[in-house]
Amino acid sequence: MNLLQKTITATVLSFTLLAAPAFAHQTFLQPEKFNSAVGEQVNLALTSALSYPNMEGGPKRDRIPFVSVIVNGQKIENLTFTENETYMNAGFTADNAGFAMAAMSSKRRFGEIKPEDAKMYLGEIGASEAVREAFFAQEGTPALNRSYNKHTKTFFCIETCEAGKQTAYAAVGQDLEFIASNEAANRFILLLNGQPLAGHEVTVVSPGSDNLELSTNQNGVVEFDSSGMASIMMTAVWVTVPKEASGTYQSDYATLTVNFSNE
């Protein structure tokens, strides 16, 4: 068994997530207001930025094949989309009160990392030392083949956060996603293909506070002290290891934005 195969069989074929480096863009989804009134226009911004909650780059609509918006258990069908330089907006008129969830996922993108940039890229995605050694043990100086998807979610409310709150506890089918735990408001569960992901690192970003570097427990649960926090972004990444070192390294990125003040 070669070094890469040994790496794959260990620790359930996973990489660990490191804190997102300062130069890495995060993609996130966030409402203009975390609590809107019935009859009001709701605007949901999908963007990427170096730091949350800045909005720096918006995708094109055709890059986002999966969109799901649910208010009080009812799916919103009449979304309107607009694009601009800093974000893509999804809008609708709120005609129902209750807890709301919006989720979007991007198309898979493929690319090649130049040999001279491979070390930095593997560091960005949090590749283990054993996997890095396996990649660089190849003959010559090969390029690194990579692919990735972005999965993002936000929780918000229309007048009340109580009606339809069960939506927060259910998966929407993203490859990697956060759901809420019904045990406490500051507890969340990280899912990989619908199953809790144990022992995986999660970063919590709250403007004005230091980032929290956390790890899920054996049930995929991450919990943190949310006192003093308003809006937050949670992030995680899963990298699927190729069977051969020369194969494609697939990264799935997940983010969730939540507001604890409901203002």
C-alpha atoms as a PDB file:
ATOM      1  CA  MET A   1       0.000   0.000   0.000  1.00  0.00           C
ATOM      2  CA  ASN A   2       1.491   3.349  -1.049  1.00  0.00           C
ATOM      3  CA  LEU A   3       1.576   6.497   1.057  1.00  0.00           C
ATOM      4  CA  LEU A   4      -1.547   8.000  -0.503  1.00  0.00           C
ATOM      5  CA  GLN A   5      -3.545   4.792  -0.015  1.00  0.00           C
ATOM      6  CA  LYS A   6      -2.507   4.668   3.627  1.00  0.00           C
ATOM      7  CA  THR A   7      -3.609   8.262   3.994  1.00  0.00           C
ATOM      8  CA  ILE A   8      -6.977   7.506   2.412  1.00  0.00           C
ATOM      9  CA  THR A   9      -7.717   4.588   4.744  1.00  0.00           C
ATOM     10  CA  ALA A  10      -6.835   6.666   7.796  1.00  0.00           C
ATOM     11  CA  THR A  11      -9.271   9.071   9.426  1.00  0.00           C
ATOM     12  CA  VAL A  12     -12.182   8.214   7.123  1.00  0.00           C
ATOM     13  CA  LEU A  13     -10.687   9.722   3.987  1.00  0.00           C
ATOM     14  CA  SER A  14     -10.721  13.262   5.342  1.00  0.00           C
ATOM     15  CA  PHE A  15      -8.620  16.362   5.431  1.00  0.00           C
ATOM     16  CA  THR A  16      -8.736  18.661   8.421  1.00  0.00           C
ATOM     17  CA  LEU A  17      -9.971  22.211   8.070  1.00  0.00           C
ATOM     18  CA  LEU A  18      -7.565  24.929   9.094  1.00  0.00           C
ATOM     19  CA  ALA A  19      -8.545  28.495   9.846  1.00  0.00           C
ATOM     20  CA  ALA A  20      -9.290  30.227   6.560  1.00  0.00           C
ATOM     21  CA  PRO A  21      -6.206  32.211   5.595  1.00  0.00           C
ATOM     22  CA  ALA A  22      -6.523  35.970   5.389  1.00  0.00           C
ATOM     23  CA  PHE A  23      -6.226  35.881   1.592  1.00  0.00           C
ATOM     24  CA  ALA A  24      -8.938  33.248   1.031  1.00  0.00           C
ATOM     25  CA  HIS A  25     -12.335  34.482  -0.155  1.00  0.00           C
ATOM     26  CA  GLN A  26     -15.433  33.129   1.560  1.00  0.00           C
ATOM     27  CA  THR A  27     -18.752  32.820  -0.251  1.00  0.00           C
ATOM     28  CA  PHE A  28     -21.821  33.515   1.856  1.00  0.00           C
ATOM     29  CA  LEU A  29     -25.534  34.286   1.637  1.00  0.00           C
ATOM     30  CA  GLN A  30     -27.103  36.967   3.811  1.00  0.00           C
ATOM     31  CA  PRO A  31     -30.424  38.825   3.931  1.00  0.00           C
ATOM     32  CA  GLU A  32     -30.524  42.603   3.812  1.00  0.00           C
ATOM     33  CA  LYS A  33     -32.464  42.338   7.105  1.00  0.00           C
ATOM     34  CA  PHE A  34     -32.537  39.317   9.382  1.00  0.00           C
ATOM     35  CA  ASN A  35     -36.091  40.196  10.455  1.00  0.00           C
ATOM     36  CA  SER A  36     -38.533  41.590   7.898  1.00  0.00           C
ATOM     37  CA  ALA A  37     -42.244  42.423   8.006  1.00  0.00           C
ATOM     38  CA  VAL A  38     -45.038  40.707   6.124  1.00  0.00           C
ATOM     39  CA  GLY A  39     -45.585  42.581   2.862  1.00  0.00           C
ATOM     40  CA  GLU A  40     -41.999  43.776   2.758  1.00  0.00           C
ATOM     41  CA  GLN A  41     -39.480  43.091   0.003  1.00  0.00           C
ATOM     42  CA  VAL A  42     -36.903  40.554   1.175  1.00  0.00           C
ATOM     43  CA  ASN A  43     -33.462  40.748  -0.428  1.00  0.00           C
ATOM     44  CA  LEU A  44     -30.921  37.934  -0.183  1.00  0.00           C
ATOM     45  CA  ALA A  45     -27.362  38.708  -1.247  1.00  0.00           C
ATOM     46  CA  LEU A  46     -24.958  36.026  -2.448  1.00  0.00           C
ATOM     47  CA  THR A  47     -21.376  37.279  -2.430  1.00  0.00           C
ATOM     48  CA  SER A  48     -17.715  36.464  -1.854  1.00  0.00           C
ATOM     49  CA  ALA A  49     -15.279  38.543   0.189  1.00  0.00           C
ATOM     50  CA  LEU A  50     -12.009  38.418   2.068  1.00  0.00           C
ATOM     51  CA  SER A  51     -13.807  39.214   5.312  1.00  0.00           C
ATOM     52  CA  TYR A  52     -17.381  38.840   6.543  1.00  0.00           C
ATOM     53  CA  PRO A  53     -19.734  40.698   6.145  1.00  0.00           C
ATOM     54  CA  ASN A  54     -18.095  42.651   3.305  1.00  0.00           C
ATOM     55  CA  MET A  55     -19.498  42.115  -0.185  1.00  0.00           C
ATOM     56  CA  GLU A  56     -16.863  42.134  -2.899  1.00  0.00           C
ATOM     57  CA  GLY A  57     -17.825  39.797  -5.744  1.00  0.00           C
ATOM     58  CA  GLY A  58     -21.160  38.489  -6.970  1.00  0.00           C
ATOM     59  CA  PRO A  59     -21.652  35.369  -9.139  1.00  0.00           C
ATOM     60  CA  LYS A  60     -23.698  35.133 -12.314  1.00  0.00           C
ATOM     61  CA  ARG A  61     -27.125  33.522 -11.985  1.00  0.00           C
ATOM     62  CA  ASP A  62     -26.167  30.665 -14.286  1.00  0.00           C
ATOM     63  CA  ARG A  63     -23.415  29.668 -11.840  1.00  0.00           C
ATOM     64  CA  ILE A  64     -26.016  28.796  -9.176  1.00  0.00           C
ATOM     65  CA  PRO A  65     -28.058  25.705 -10.151  1.00  0.00           C
ATOM     66  CA  PHE A  66     -29.435  25.029  -6.656  1.00  0.00           C
ATOM     67  CA  VAL A  67     -31.624  27.605  -4.903  1.00  0.00           C
ATOM     68  CA  SER A  68     -34.071  26.908  -2.069  1.00  0.00           C
ATOM     69  CA  VAL A  69     -35.951  29.516  -0.027  1.00  0.00           C
ATOM     70  CA  ILE A  70     -38.525  28.401   2.557  1.00  0.00           C
ATOM     71  CA  VAL A  71     -40.682  30.584   4.815  1.00  0.00           C
ATOM     72  CA  ASN A  72     -42.796  28.958   7.544  1.00  0.00           C
ATOM     73  CA  GLY A  73     -42.474  25.610   5.817  1.00  0.00           C
ATOM     74  CA  GLN A  74     -43.564  26.901   2.405  1.00  0.00           C
ATOM     75  CA  LYS A  75     -41.183  27.081  -0.549  1.00  0.00           C
ATOM     76  CA  ILE A  76     -40.883  30.466  -2.249  1.00  0.00           C
ATOM     77  CA  GLU A  77     -41.233  30.054  -6.011  1.00  0.00           C
ATOM     78  CA  ASN A  78     -41.447  33.640  -7.298  1.00  0.00           C
ATOM     79  CA  LEU A  79     -37.859  34.724  -6.713  1.00  0.00           C
ATOM     80  CA  THR A  80     -36.426  37.502  -8.853  1.00  0.00           C
ATOM     81  CA  PHE A  81     -32.675  37.661  -9.473  1.00  0.00           C
ATOM     82  CA  THR A  82     -30.472  40.646 -10.219  1.00  0.00           C
ATOM     83  CA  GLU A  83     -26.712  40.741 -10.688  1.00  0.00           C
ATOM     84  CA  ASN A  84     -24.208  43.441  -9.878  1.00  0.00           C
ATOM     85  CA  GLU A  85     -20.490  43.667  -9.305  1.00  0.00           C
ATOM     86  CA  THR A  86     -20.474  42.933  -5.583  1.00  0.00           C
ATOM     87  CA  TYR A  87     -23.338  40.435  -5.117  1.00  0.00           C
ATOM     88  CA  MET A  88     -26.195  38.555  -6.752  1.00  0.00           C
ATOM     89  CA  ASN A  89     -29.580  39.407  -5.260  1.00  0.00           C
ATOM     90  CA  ALA A  90     -32.561  37.061  -4.881  1.00  0.00           C
ATOM     91  CA  GLY A  91     -35.721  38.927  -3.929  1.00  0.00           C
ATOM     92  CA  PHE A  92     -39.328  38.166  -3.053  1.00  0.00           C
ATOM     93  CA  THR A  93     -42.260  39.774  -1.258  1.00  0.00           C
ATOM     94  CA  ALA A  94     -42.891  38.276   2.174  1.00  0.00           C
ATOM     95  CA  ASP A  95     -46.547  37.279   2.419  1.00  0.00           C
ATOM     96  CA  ASN A  96     -46.156  34.771   5.234  1.00  0.00           C
ATOM     97  CA  ALA A  97     -44.758  35.175   8.756  1.00  0.00           C
ATOM     98  CA  GLY A  98     -42.354  32.695  10.303  1.00  0.00           C
ATOM     99  CA  PHE A  99     -38.864  31.251  10.312  1.00  0.00           C
ATOM    100  CA  ALA A 100     -37.067  31.375   6.962  1.00  0.00           C
ATOM    101  CA  MET A 101     -34.154  29.565   5.381  1.00  0.00           C
ATOM    102  CA  ALA A 102     -32.364  30.222   2.108  1.00  0.00           C
ATOM    103  CA  ALA A 103     -29.737  27.952   0.563  1.00  0.00           C
ATOM    104  CA  MET A 104     -27.708  28.127  -2.651  1.00  0.00           C
ATOM    105  CA  SER A 105     -24.995  25.955  -4.192  1.00  0.00           C
ATOM    106  CA  SER A 106     -22.671  26.662  -7.099  1.00  0.00           C
ATOM    107  CA  LYS A 107     -21.783  24.554 -10.103  1.00  0.00           C
ATOM    108  CA  ARG A 108     -18.632  22.491  -9.792  1.00  0.00           C
ATOM    109  CA  ARG A 109     -15.592  24.257 -11.139  1.00  0.00           C
ATOM    110  CA  PHE A 110     -12.420  22.591 -12.345  1.00  0.00           C
ATOM    111  CA  GLY A 111      -8.961  24.008 -12.593  1.00  0.00           C
ATOM    112  CA  GLU A 112      -5.264  23.353 -12.421  1.00  0.00           C
ATOM    113  CA  ILE A 113      -2.894  24.670  -9.791  1.00  0.00           C
ATOM    114  CA  LYS A 114       0.565  25.397 -11.127  1.00  0.00           C
ATOM    115  CA  PRO A 115       3.346  23.260  -9.613  1.00  0.00           C
ATOM    116  CA  GLU A 116       4.902  26.305  -7.950  1.00  0.00           C
ATOM    117  CA  ASP A 117       1.549  27.148  -6.287  1.00  0.00           C
ATOM    118  CA  ALA A 118       0.568  23.632  -5.198  1.00  0.00           C
ATOM    119  CA  LYS A 119       2.156  23.891  -1.757  1.00  0.00           C
ATOM    120  CA  MET A 120       0.289  27.103  -0.971  1.00  0.00           C
ATOM    121  CA  TYR A 121      -3.007  25.699  -2.269  1.00  0.00           C
ATOM    122  CA  LEU A 122      -2.753  22.518  -0.202  1.00  0.00           C
ATOM    123  CA  GLY A 123      -2.086  24.715   2.806  1.00  0.00           C
ATOM    124  CA  GLU A 124      -5.144  26.847   2.055  1.00  0.00           C
ATOM    125  CA  ILE A 125      -7.487  23.869   1.950  1.00  0.00           C
ATOM    126  CA  GLY A 126      -5.976  22.323   5.083  1.00  0.00           C
ATOM    127  CA  ALA A 127      -4.439  19.210   3.569  1.00  0.00           C
ATOM    128  CA  SER A 128      -2.754  16.924   6.092  1.00  0.00           C
ATOM    129  CA  GLU A 129       1.024  16.568   6.025  1.00  0.00           C
ATOM    130  CA  ALA A 130       0.759  12.953   4.857  1.00  0.00           C
ATOM    131  CA  VAL A 131      -1.361  13.939   1.856  1.00  0.00           C
ATOM    132  CA  ARG A 132       1.030  16.746   0.951  1.00  0.00           C
ATOM    133  CA  GLU A 133       3.925  14.295   1.081  1.00  0.00           C
ATOM    134  CA  ALA A 134       1.990  11.885  -1.151  1.00  0.00           C
ATOM    135  CA  PHE A 135       1.342  14.578  -3.736  1.00  0.00           C
ATOM    136  CA  PHE A 136       4.913  15.827  -3.802  1.00  0.00           C
ATOM    137  CA  ALA A 137       6.290  12.265  -3.939  1.00  0.00           C
ATOM    138  CA  GLN A 138       5.183  12.086  -7.576  1.00  0.00           C
ATOM    139  CA  GLU A 139       7.894  12.141 -10.183  1.00  0.00           C
ATOM    140  CA  GLY A 140       8.751  15.502 -11.651  1.00  0.00           C
ATOM    141  CA  THR A 141       6.811  18.639 -10.790  1.00  0.00           C
ATOM    142  CA  PRO A 142       3.182  17.919 -11.752  1.00  0.00           C
ATOM    143  CA  ALA A 143       0.343  20.419 -11.598  1.00  0.00           C
ATOM    144  CA  LEU A 144      -2.403  19.836  -9.026  1.00  0.00           C
ATOM    145  CA  ASN A 145      -5.861  19.093 -10.420  1.00  0.00           C
ATOM    146  CA  ARG A 146      -8.655  20.532  -8.344  1.00  0.00           C
ATOM    147  CA  SER A 147     -12.419  21.030  -8.395  1.00  0.00           C
ATOM    148  CA  TYR A 148     -14.738  22.746  -5.951  1.00  0.00           C
ATOM    149  CA  ASN A 149     -18.322  23.653  -5.042  1.00  0.00           C
ATOM    150  CA  LYS A 150     -19.621  26.363  -2.729  1.00  0.00           C
ATOM    151  CA  HIS A 151     -22.654  25.649  -0.515  1.00  0.00           C
ATOM    152  CA  THR A 152     -24.147  28.495   1.481  1.00  0.00           C
ATOM    153  CA  LYS A 153     -27.124  29.028   3.737  1.00  0.00           C
ATOM    154  CA  THR A 154     -28.761  31.689   5.885  1.00  0.00           C
ATOM    155  CA  PHE A 155     -31.443  31.690   8.579  1.00  0.00           C
ATOM    156  CA  PHE A 156     -33.740  34.721   8.995  1.00  0.00           C
ATOM    157  CA  CYS A 157     -37.279  35.553  10.100  1.00  0.00           C
ATOM    158  CA  ILE A 158     -40.440  37.242   8.846  1.00  0.00           C
ATOM    159  CA  GLU A 159     -41.877  38.986  11.950  1.00  0.00           C
ATOM    160  CA  THR A 160     -41.549  35.847  14.098  1.00  0.00           C
ATOM    161  CA  CYS A 161     -38.894  33.138  14.382  1.00  0.00           C
ATOM    162  CA  GLU A 162     -41.158  30.516  15.967  1.00  0.00           C
ATOM    163  CA  ALA A 163     -43.578  29.362  13.243  1.00  0.00           C
ATOM    164  CA  GLY A 164     -41.981  26.855  10.896  1.00  0.00           C
ATOM    165  CA  LYS A 165     -38.735  26.632  12.825  1.00  0.00           C
ATOM    166  CA  GLN A 166     -38.426  22.908  12.041  1.00  0.00           C
ATOM    167  CA  THR A 167     -36.958  24.013   8.706  1.00  0.00           C
ATOM    168  CA  ALA A 168     -33.734  24.881  10.520  1.00  0.00           C
ATOM    169  CA  TYR A 169     -33.289  21.286  11.686  1.00  0.00           C
ATOM    170  CA  ALA A 170     -33.651  19.652   8.258  1.00  0.00           C
ATOM    171  CA  ALA A 171     -31.048  19.137   5.534  1.00  0.00           C
ATOM    172  CA  VAL A 172     -31.716  20.628   2.113  1.00  0.00           C
ATOM    173  CA  GLY A 173     -29.480  18.194   0.243  1.00  0.00           C
ATOM    174  CA  GLN A 174     -26.232  20.117  -0.133  1.00  0.00           C
ATOM    175  CA  ASP A 175     -23.089  17.966  -0.138  1.00  0.00           C
ATOM    176  CA  LEU A 176     -21.796  19.851   2.899  1.00  0.00           C
ATOM    177  CA  GLU A 177     -24.145  21.943   5.051  1.00  0.00           C
ATOM    178  CA  PHE A 178     -24.935  23.240   8.502  1.00  0.00           C
ATOM    179  CA  ILE A 179     -28.285  22.674  10.190  1.00  0.00           C
ATOM    180  CA  ALA A 180     -29.491  23.938  13.562  1.00  0.00           C
ATOM    181  CA  SER A 181     -29.786  21.718  16.609  1.00  0.00           C
ATOM    182  CA  ASN A 182     -33.143  21.779  18.405  1.00  0.00           C
ATOM    183  CA  GLU A 183     -31.312  21.514  21.728  1.00  0.00           C
ATOM    184  CA  ALA A 184     -29.993  25.101  21.887  1.00  0.00           C
ATOM    185  CA  ALA A 185     -29.833  28.247  19.755  1.00  0.00           C
ATOM    186  CA  ASN A 186     -26.021  28.216  19.774  1.00  0.00           C
ATOM    187  CA  ARG A 187     -25.710  24.579  18.657  1.00  0.00           C
ATOM    188  CA  PHE A 188     -25.324  23.513  15.044  1.00  0.00           C
ATOM    189  CA  ILE A 189     -24.642  20.243  13.208  1.00  0.00           C
ATOM    190  CA  LEU A 190     -22.297  19.845  10.251  1.00  0.00           C
ATOM    191  CA  LEU A 191     -23.518  17.318   7.669  1.00  0.00           C
ATOM    192  CA  LEU A 192     -21.576  15.595   4.898  1.00  0.00           C
ATOM    193  CA  ASN A 193     -23.932  14.008   2.362  1.00  0.00           C
ATOM    194  CA  GLY A 194     -26.707  14.234   4.950  1.00  0.00           C
ATOM    195  CA  GLN A 195     -24.757  12.539   7.754  1.00  0.00           C
ATOM    196  CA  PRO A 196     -23.188  14.207  10.838  1.00  0.00           C
ATOM    197  CA  LEU A 197     -19.481  14.865  10.334  1.00  0.00           C
ATOM    198  CA  ALA A 198     -17.571  14.114  13.535  1.00  0.00           C
ATOM    199  CA  GLY A 199     -14.244  15.598  14.615  1.00  0.00           C
ATOM    200  CA  HIS A 200     -14.185  18.235  11.889  1.00  0.00           C
ATOM    201  CA  GLU A 201     -13.014  21.790  12.282  1.00  0.00           C
ATOM    202  CA  VAL A 202     -15.368  24.753  11.985  1.00  0.00           C
ATOM    203  CA  THR A 203     -14.618  28.471  12.068  1.00  0.00           C
ATOM    204  CA  VAL A 204     -17.074  31.017  13.473  1.00  0.00           C
ATOM    205  CA  VAL A 205     -16.625  34.600  12.293  1.00  0.00           C
ATOM    206  CA  SER A 206     -18.349  37.461  14.130  1.00  0.00           C
ATOM    207  CA  PRO A 207     -17.586  41.097  13.196  1.00  0.00           C
ATOM    208  CA  GLY A 208     -15.648  42.814  15.958  1.00  0.00           C
ATOM    209  CA  SER A 209     -14.623  39.552  17.629  1.00  0.00           C
ATOM    210  CA  ASP A 210     -11.779  37.091  17.217  1.00  0.00           C
ATOM    211  CA  ASN A 211     -12.578  34.075  15.051  1.00  0.00           C
ATOM    212  CA  LEU A 212     -13.524  30.925  16.959  1.00  0.00           C
ATOM    213  CA  GLU A 213     -11.702  27.779  15.834  1.00  0.00           C
ATOM    214  CA  LEU A 214     -13.885  24.854  16.880  1.00  0.00           C
ATOM    215  CA  SER A 215     -14.321  21.144  16.220  1.00  0.00           C
ATOM    216  CA  THR A 216     -17.497  19.094  15.929  1.00  0.00           C
ATOM    217  CA  ASN A 217     -18.076  16.366  18.514  1.00  0.00           C
ATOM    218  CA  GLN A 218     -18.794  12.696  17.798  1.00  0.00           C
ATOM    219  CA  ASN A 219     -22.319  13.647  16.714  1.00  0.00           C
ATOM    220  CA  GLY A 220     -21.199  16.368  14.321  1.00  0.00           C
ATOM    221  CA  VAL A 221     -22.316  19.064  16.769  1.00  0.00           C
ATOM    222  CA  VAL A 222     -20.499  22.354  17.274  1.00  0.00           C
ATOM    223  CA  GLU A 223     -21.449  24.647  20.165  1.00  0.00           C
ATOM    224  CA  PHE A 224     -20.090  28.039  21.192  1.00  0.00           C
ATOM    225  CA  ASP A 225     -20.769  30.996  23.455  1.00  0.00           C
ATOM    226  CA  SER A 226     -22.846  33.391  21.355  1.00  0.00           C
ATOM    227  CA  SER A 227     -23.199  36.082  24.025  1.00  0.00           C
ATOM    228  CA  GLY A 228     -22.228  39.468  22.649  1.00  0.00           C
ATOM    229  CA  MET A 229     -22.528  38.242  19.068  1.00  0.00           C
ATOM    230  CA  ALA A 230     -24.971  39.614  16.518  1.00  0.00           C
ATOM    231  CA  SER A 231     -24.559  38.244  13.000  1.00  0.00           C
ATOM    232  CA  ILE A 232     -22.098  35.400  12.455  1.00  0.00           C
ATOM    233  CA  MET A 233     -20.755  33.279   9.623  1.00  0.00           C
ATOM    234  CA  MET A 234     -19.834  29.631  10.180  1.00  0.00           C
ATOM    235  CA  THR A 235     -17.487  27.960   7.717  1.00  0.00           C
ATOM    236  CA  ALA A 236     -16.229  24.447   7.011  1.00  0.00           C
ATOM    237  CA  VAL A 237     -14.572  22.603   4.122  1.00  0.00           C
ATOM    238  CA  TRP A 238     -14.360  18.946   3.131  1.00  0.00           C
ATOM    239  CA  VAL A 239     -11.816  17.708   0.632  1.00  0.00           C
ATOM    240  CA  THR A 240     -12.351  14.392  -1.147  1.00  0.00           C
ATOM    241  CA  VAL A 241      -9.058  12.590  -1.656  1.00  0.00           C
ATOM    242  CA  PRO A 242      -8.432  11.174  -5.155  1.00  0.00           C
ATOM    243  CA  LYS A 243      -7.553   7.496  -5.513  1.00  0.00           C
ATOM    244  CA  GLU A 244      -4.276   8.490  -7.123  1.00  0.00           C
ATOM    245  CA  ALA A 245      -2.055  11.407  -6.156  1.00  0.00           C
ATOM    246  CA  SER A 246      -2.379  12.723  -9.712  1.00  0.00           C
ATOM    247  CA  GLY A 247      -6.190  12.749  -9.509  1.00  0.00           C
ATOM    248  CA  THR A 248      -8.592  15.620  -8.828  1.00  0.00           C
ATOM    249  CA  TYR A 249      -8.841  17.069  -5.311  1.00  0.00           C
ATOM    250  CA  GLN A 250     -12.510  18.016  -4.805  1.00  0.00           C
ATOM    251  CA  SER A 251     -13.303  20.666  -2.188  1.00  0.00           C
ATOM    252  CA  ASP A 252     -16.778  21.353  -0.810  1.00  0.00           C
ATOM    253  CA  TYR A 253     -17.110  24.608   1.107  1.00  0.00           C
ATOM    254  CA  ALA A 254     -20.059  25.369   3.409  1.00  0.00           C
ATOM    255  CA  THR A 255     -21.098  28.595   5.113  1.00  0.00           C
ATOM    256  CA  LEU A 256     -24.067  29.584   7.271  1.00  0.00           C
ATOM    257  CA  THR A 257     -25.020  33.090   8.396  1.00  0.00           C
ATOM    258  CA  VAL A 258     -27.220  33.638  11.440  1.00  0.00           C
ATOM    259  CA  ASN A 259     -28.197  36.627  13.561  1.00  0.00           C
ATOM    260  CA  PHE A 260     -28.613  36.053  17.284  1.00  0.00           C
ATOM    261  CA  SER A 261     -30.170  39.443  18.009  1.00  0.00           C
ATOM    262  CA  ASN A 262     -33.012  39.049  15.448  1.00  0.00           C
ATOM    263  CA  GLU A 263     -32.856  42.755  14.700  1.00  0.00           C
END
